[in-house]
Amino acid sequence: MQVNSSFTATDTHGPGKRLVVVMQGCSRRCPGCNAPQAQLDPGRTVETSVHTFAWQMQCNSFDGLTVTGGEPFEQPGELARLLTAAKDAGLSTLVYTGYTWEELHAAFNGIARDLLRNVLVNVDILVDGPWKQHEAQNNLLAPSANQRILHLVNGTLREPLTQTALQTITA
């Protein structure tokens, strides 16, 4: 898996103590990107196995896993394995994507749709939509006003979430 970095965060990348994995690579190149260091740059890429993160999740007292980037869905197979490891460790999962829910479903066709399903079935919270510099806001989970915080159950979209509802789902 191509990774830019990983770190531990408390309440800034989701509720509770979280392992945050920043995946490397993004072909979207959104104007004003807030994580340009996570776009393709072979000099900054670290090859890390999902097994390494699975071990960290088993051995530490994390409440959840947050995956951001770059664009996590540009490595869907690795993303699916990472999220499965988090669920096996009993963690909540939150994934940021520059794609909207609708764009994800339009982009993944045929066999790739099964891969998308393997990812989404293990996502609790999906923050979708590109970060837009001119729509920046102070919401820690959705830093751009156009982004939605979506609640998923077994890969099925339930509803956009408010901050209060998010606390009850991840508690």
C-alpha atoms as a PDB file:
ATOM      1  CA  MET A   1       0.000   0.000   0.000  1.00  0.00           C
ATOM      2  CA  GLN A   2       1.331   3.444  -0.901  1.00  0.00           C
ATOM      3  CA  VAL A   3       1.222   5.591   2.246  1.00  0.00           C
ATOM      4  CA  ASN A   4       2.206   9.196   2.784  1.00  0.00           C
ATOM      5  CA  SER A   5       2.105   9.002   6.576  1.00  0.00           C
ATOM      6  CA  SER A   6       0.280   7.640   9.583  1.00  0.00           C
ATOM      7  CA  PHE A   7      -0.257   9.042  13.047  1.00  0.00           C
ATOM      8  CA  THR A   8      -2.455   8.895  16.128  1.00  0.00           C
ATOM      9  CA  ALA A   9      -5.125  11.566  16.557  1.00  0.00           C
ATOM     10  CA  THR A  10      -7.694  12.283  19.225  1.00  0.00           C
ATOM     11  CA  ASP A  11     -11.024  13.759  18.090  1.00  0.00           C
ATOM     12  CA  THR A  12      -9.553  15.679  15.133  1.00  0.00           C
ATOM     13  CA  HIS A  13     -10.014  12.944  12.517  1.00  0.00           C
ATOM     14  CA  GLY A  14     -13.072  11.335  14.037  1.00  0.00           C
ATOM     15  CA  PRO A  15     -14.292  10.560  17.530  1.00  0.00           C
ATOM     16  CA  GLY A  16     -11.956   9.053  20.100  1.00  0.00           C
ATOM     17  CA  LYS A  17      -8.367   7.913  19.728  1.00  0.00           C
ATOM     18  CA  ARG A  18      -7.787   6.999  16.096  1.00  0.00           C
ATOM     19  CA  LEU A  19      -5.113   5.587  13.870  1.00  0.00           C
ATOM     20  CA  VAL A  20      -4.992   7.901  10.858  1.00  0.00           C
ATOM     21  CA  VAL A  21      -3.569   6.552   7.602  1.00  0.00           C
ATOM     22  CA  VAL A  22      -2.834   9.070   4.845  1.00  0.00           C
ATOM     23  CA  MET A  23      -2.765   7.175   1.557  1.00  0.00           C
ATOM     24  CA  GLN A  24      -0.452   8.413  -1.167  1.00  0.00           C
ATOM     25  CA  GLY A  25      -1.641   9.375  -4.612  1.00  0.00           C
ATOM     26  CA  CYS A  26      -4.455  11.423  -6.041  1.00  0.00           C
ATOM     27  CA  SER A  27      -5.081  12.103  -9.702  1.00  0.00           C
ATOM     28  CA  ARG A  28      -7.945  14.530  -9.019  1.00  0.00           C
ATOM     29  CA  ARG A  29      -5.682  17.540  -8.384  1.00  0.00           C
ATOM     30  CA  CYS A  30      -8.409  19.707  -6.847  1.00  0.00           C
ATOM     31  CA  PRO A  31      -7.560  23.422  -6.947  1.00  0.00           C
ATOM     32  CA  GLY A  32      -6.313  24.541  -3.540  1.00  0.00           C
ATOM     33  CA  CYS A  33      -5.817  20.940  -2.360  1.00  0.00           C
ATOM     34  CA  ASN A  34      -5.314  20.870   1.402  1.00  0.00           C
ATOM     35  CA  ALA A  35      -2.993  17.826   1.176  1.00  0.00           C
ATOM     36  CA  PRO A  36      -0.766  18.358  -1.895  1.00  0.00           C
ATOM     37  CA  GLN A  37       1.988  16.318  -0.239  1.00  0.00           C
ATOM     38  CA  ALA A  38      -0.232  13.246  -0.589  1.00  0.00           C
ATOM     39  CA  GLN A  39      -0.558  13.580  -4.359  1.00  0.00           C
ATOM     40  CA  LEU A  40       1.718  11.435  -6.515  1.00  0.00           C
ATOM     41  CA  ASP A  41       5.310  12.066  -5.565  1.00  0.00           C
ATOM     42  CA  PRO A  42       7.491   8.918  -5.530  1.00  0.00           C
ATOM     43  CA  GLY A  43      10.013  10.609  -3.236  1.00  0.00           C
ATOM     44  CA  ARG A  44       7.415  10.888  -0.468  1.00  0.00           C
ATOM     45  CA  THR A  45       5.810   7.470  -0.856  1.00  0.00           C
ATOM     46  CA  VAL A  46       6.316   4.823   1.794  1.00  0.00           C
ATOM     47  CA  GLU A  47       5.373   1.254   0.918  1.00  0.00           C
ATOM     48  CA  THR A  48       3.613  -0.154   3.990  1.00  0.00           C
ATOM     49  CA  SER A  49       1.795  -3.447   4.297  1.00  0.00           C
ATOM     50  CA  VAL A  50      -1.747  -3.697   5.559  1.00  0.00           C
ATOM     51  CA  HIS A  51      -0.360  -6.271   8.004  1.00  0.00           C
ATOM     52  CA  THR A  52       1.712  -3.532   9.683  1.00  0.00           C
ATOM     53  CA  PHE A  53      -1.393  -1.437  10.308  1.00  0.00           C
ATOM     54  CA  ALA A  54      -3.415  -4.492  11.365  1.00  0.00           C
ATOM     55  CA  TRP A  55      -0.788  -5.228  14.004  1.00  0.00           C
ATOM     56  CA  GLN A  56      -0.916  -1.610  15.251  1.00  0.00           C
ATOM     57  CA  MET A  57      -4.703  -1.771  15.474  1.00  0.00           C
ATOM     58  CA  GLN A  58      -4.577  -5.032  17.455  1.00  0.00           C
ATOM     59  CA  CYS A  59      -1.824  -3.883  19.840  1.00  0.00           C
ATOM     60  CA  ASN A  60      -3.011  -0.357  20.645  1.00  0.00           C
ATOM     61  CA  SER A  61      -6.130   0.949  22.296  1.00  0.00           C
ATOM     62  CA  PHE A  62      -7.593   2.757  19.302  1.00  0.00           C
ATOM     63  CA  ASP A  63     -11.275   3.588  19.052  1.00  0.00           C
ATOM     64  CA  GLY A  64     -11.169   3.802  15.290  1.00  0.00           C
ATOM     65  CA  LEU A  65      -9.364   4.053  11.987  1.00  0.00           C
ATOM     66  CA  THR A  66      -9.503   7.101   9.736  1.00  0.00           C
ATOM     67  CA  VAL A  67      -8.268   6.852   6.154  1.00  0.00           C
ATOM     68  CA  THR A  68      -7.558   9.976   4.156  1.00  0.00           C
ATOM     69  CA  GLY A  69      -5.175  11.006   1.439  1.00  0.00           C
ATOM     70  CA  GLY A  70      -4.496  11.603  -1.380  1.00  0.00           C
ATOM     71  CA  GLU A  71      -7.461   9.664  -2.622  1.00  0.00           C
ATOM     72  CA  PRO A  72      -8.019   6.352  -0.807  1.00  0.00           C
ATOM     73  CA  PHE A  73     -10.259   4.984  -3.571  1.00  0.00           C
ATOM     74  CA  GLU A  74      -7.298   5.062  -5.989  1.00  0.00           C
ATOM     75  CA  GLN A  75      -6.018   2.011  -4.064  1.00  0.00           C
ATOM     76  CA  PRO A  76      -9.342   0.191  -3.591  1.00  0.00           C
ATOM     77  CA  GLY A  77      -7.916  -3.296  -2.998  1.00  0.00           C
ATOM     78  CA  GLU A  78      -5.538  -2.082  -0.300  1.00  0.00           C
ATOM     79  CA  LEU A  79      -8.267   0.124   1.170  1.00  0.00           C
ATOM     80  CA  ALA A  80     -10.621  -2.867   1.393  1.00  0.00           C
ATOM     81  CA  ARG A  81      -7.967  -4.958   3.200  1.00  0.00           C
ATOM     82  CA  LEU A  82      -7.142  -2.103   5.608  1.00  0.00           C
ATOM     83  CA  LEU A  83     -10.803  -1.530   6.492  1.00  0.00           C
ATOM     84  CA  THR A  84     -11.386  -5.265   6.964  1.00  0.00           C
ATOM     85  CA  ALA A  85      -8.448  -5.355   9.399  1.00  0.00           C
ATOM     86  CA  ALA A  86      -9.961  -2.419  11.314  1.00  0.00           C
ATOM     87  CA  LYS A  87     -13.337  -4.141  11.571  1.00  0.00           C
ATOM     88  CA  ASP A  88     -11.619  -7.374  12.663  1.00  0.00           C
ATOM     89  CA  ALA A  89     -10.000  -5.312  15.450  1.00  0.00           C
ATOM     90  CA  GLY A  90     -13.429  -3.977  16.481  1.00  0.00           C
ATOM     91  CA  LEU A  91     -12.743  -0.393  15.381  1.00  0.00           C
ATOM     92  CA  SER A  92     -15.050   2.199  13.892  1.00  0.00           C
ATOM     93  CA  THR A  93     -14.004   3.377  10.438  1.00  0.00           C
ATOM     94  CA  LEU A  94     -14.090   6.762   8.755  1.00  0.00           C
ATOM     95  CA  VAL A  95     -12.931   7.381   5.181  1.00  0.00           C
ATOM     96  CA  TYR A  96     -12.422  10.694   3.396  1.00  0.00           C
ATOM     97  CA  THR A  97     -12.843  10.787  -0.368  1.00  0.00           C
ATOM     98  CA  GLY A  98     -12.783  13.574  -2.921  1.00  0.00           C
ATOM     99  CA  TYR A  99     -15.478  11.704  -4.834  1.00  0.00           C
ATOM    100  CA  THR A 100     -19.135  12.051  -4.006  1.00  0.00           C
ATOM    101  CA  TRP A 101     -21.153   8.952  -3.154  1.00  0.00           C
ATOM    102  CA  GLU A 102     -22.791   9.227  -6.557  1.00  0.00           C
ATOM    103  CA  GLU A 103     -19.448   9.559  -8.404  1.00  0.00           C
ATOM    104  CA  LEU A 104     -18.056   6.488  -6.653  1.00  0.00           C
ATOM    105  CA  HIS A 105     -20.974   4.382  -7.808  1.00  0.00           C
ATOM    106  CA  ALA A 106     -20.746   5.731 -11.354  1.00  0.00           C
ATOM    107  CA  ALA A 107     -16.975   5.117 -11.574  1.00  0.00           C
ATOM    108  CA  PHE A 108     -16.924   1.507 -10.338  1.00  0.00           C
ATOM    109  CA  ASN A 109     -18.551  -0.786 -12.929  1.00  0.00           C
ATOM    110  CA  GLY A 110     -18.437  -4.534 -13.544  1.00  0.00           C
ATOM    111  CA  ILE A 111     -15.887  -6.404 -11.425  1.00  0.00           C
ATOM    112  CA  ALA A 112     -14.771  -3.095  -9.931  1.00  0.00           C
ATOM    113  CA  ARG A 113     -18.256  -2.693  -8.420  1.00  0.00           C
ATOM    114  CA  ASP A 114     -17.586  -5.785  -6.277  1.00  0.00           C
ATOM    115  CA  LEU A 115     -14.350  -4.162  -5.142  1.00  0.00           C
ATOM    116  CA  LEU A 116     -16.227  -0.980  -4.225  1.00  0.00           C
ATOM    117  CA  ARG A 117     -18.723  -3.075  -2.250  1.00  0.00           C
ATOM    118  CA  ASN A 118     -15.811  -4.739  -0.399  1.00  0.00           C
ATOM    119  CA  VAL A 119     -14.631  -1.289   0.645  1.00  0.00           C
ATOM    120  CA  LEU A 120     -17.970   0.272   1.554  1.00  0.00           C
ATOM    121  CA  VAL A 121     -19.237  -2.702   3.575  1.00  0.00           C
ATOM    122  CA  ASN A 122     -16.528  -1.871   6.142  1.00  0.00           C
ATOM    123  CA  VAL A 123     -17.024   1.915   6.249  1.00  0.00           C
ATOM    124  CA  ASP A 124     -19.049   3.419   9.091  1.00  0.00           C
ATOM    125  CA  ILE A 125     -18.641   7.076   8.143  1.00  0.00           C
ATOM    126  CA  LEU A 126     -17.801   8.403   4.671  1.00  0.00           C
ATOM    127  CA  VAL A 127     -16.922  12.065   4.237  1.00  0.00           C
ATOM    128  CA  ASP A 128     -17.490  12.657   0.542  1.00  0.00           C
ATOM    129  CA  GLY A 129     -16.794  15.419  -1.950  1.00  0.00           C
ATOM    130  CA  PRO A 130     -13.723  17.393  -2.887  1.00  0.00           C
ATOM    131  CA  TRP A 131     -12.232  19.880  -0.481  1.00  0.00           C
ATOM    132  CA  LYS A 132     -12.996  23.338  -1.846  1.00  0.00           C
ATOM    133  CA  GLN A 133     -10.785  26.127  -0.624  1.00  0.00           C
ATOM    134  CA  HIS A 134     -13.471  28.791  -1.130  1.00  0.00           C
ATOM    135  CA  GLU A 135     -15.976  26.746   0.928  1.00  0.00           C
ATOM    136  CA  ALA A 136     -13.713  26.101   3.918  1.00  0.00           C
ATOM    137  CA  GLN A 137     -15.473  25.893   7.274  1.00  0.00           C
ATOM    138  CA  ASN A 138     -14.588  25.053  10.875  1.00  0.00           C
ATOM    139  CA  ASN A 139     -16.163  21.573  10.992  1.00  0.00           C
ATOM    140  CA  LEU A 140     -13.388  19.143  11.949  1.00  0.00           C
ATOM    141  CA  LEU A 141     -14.893  16.227  10.034  1.00  0.00           C
ATOM    142  CA  ALA A 142     -16.102  18.066   6.935  1.00  0.00           C
ATOM    143  CA  PRO A 143     -13.695  20.975   6.453  1.00  0.00           C
ATOM    144  CA  SER A 144     -15.425  22.120   3.243  1.00  0.00           C
ATOM    145  CA  ALA A 145     -19.092  23.165   3.229  1.00  0.00           C
ATOM    146  CA  ASN A 146     -19.874  20.975   0.198  1.00  0.00           C
ATOM    147  CA  GLN A 147     -18.707  17.788   1.926  1.00  0.00           C
ATOM    148  CA  ARG A 148     -21.206  15.416   3.479  1.00  0.00           C
ATOM    149  CA  ILE A 149     -20.745  13.192   6.506  1.00  0.00           C
ATOM    150  CA  LEU A 150     -22.520   9.982   5.494  1.00  0.00           C
ATOM    151  CA  HIS A 151     -23.522   7.098   7.734  1.00  0.00           C
ATOM    152  CA  LEU A 152     -23.154   3.667   6.119  1.00  0.00           C
ATOM    153  CA  VAL A 153     -24.401   0.333   7.399  1.00  0.00           C
ATOM    154  CA  ASN A 154     -23.095  -2.748   5.572  1.00  0.00           C
ATOM    155  CA  GLY A 155     -22.218  -0.561   2.587  1.00  0.00           C
ATOM    156  CA  THR A 156     -25.655   1.015   2.354  1.00  0.00           C
ATOM    157  CA  LEU A 157     -26.139   4.751   2.711  1.00  0.00           C
ATOM    158  CA  ARG A 158     -28.319   5.624   5.702  1.00  0.00           C
ATOM    159  CA  GLU A 159     -28.357   9.408   6.035  1.00  0.00           C
ATOM    160  CA  PRO A 160     -26.122  12.459   6.206  1.00  0.00           C
ATOM    161  CA  LEU A 161     -24.995  12.971   9.787  1.00  0.00           C
ATOM    162  CA  THR A 162     -24.956  15.874  12.141  1.00  0.00           C
ATOM    163  CA  GLN A 163     -22.170  16.134  14.715  1.00  0.00           C
ATOM    164  CA  THR A 164     -24.591  15.002  17.460  1.00  0.00           C
ATOM    165  CA  ALA A 165     -25.701  11.930  15.511  1.00  0.00           C
ATOM    166  CA  LEU A 166     -22.073  11.058  14.776  1.00  0.00           C
ATOM    167  CA  GLN A 167     -21.313  10.879  18.498  1.00  0.00           C
ATOM    168  CA  THR A 168     -24.083   8.344  19.091  1.00  0.00           C
ATOM    169  CA  ILE A 169     -23.065   6.087  16.177  1.00  0.00           C
ATOM    170  CA  THR A 170     -19.403   5.891  17.123  1.00  0.00           C
ATOM    171  CA  ALA A 171     -19.859   5.717  20.899  1.00  0.00           C
END
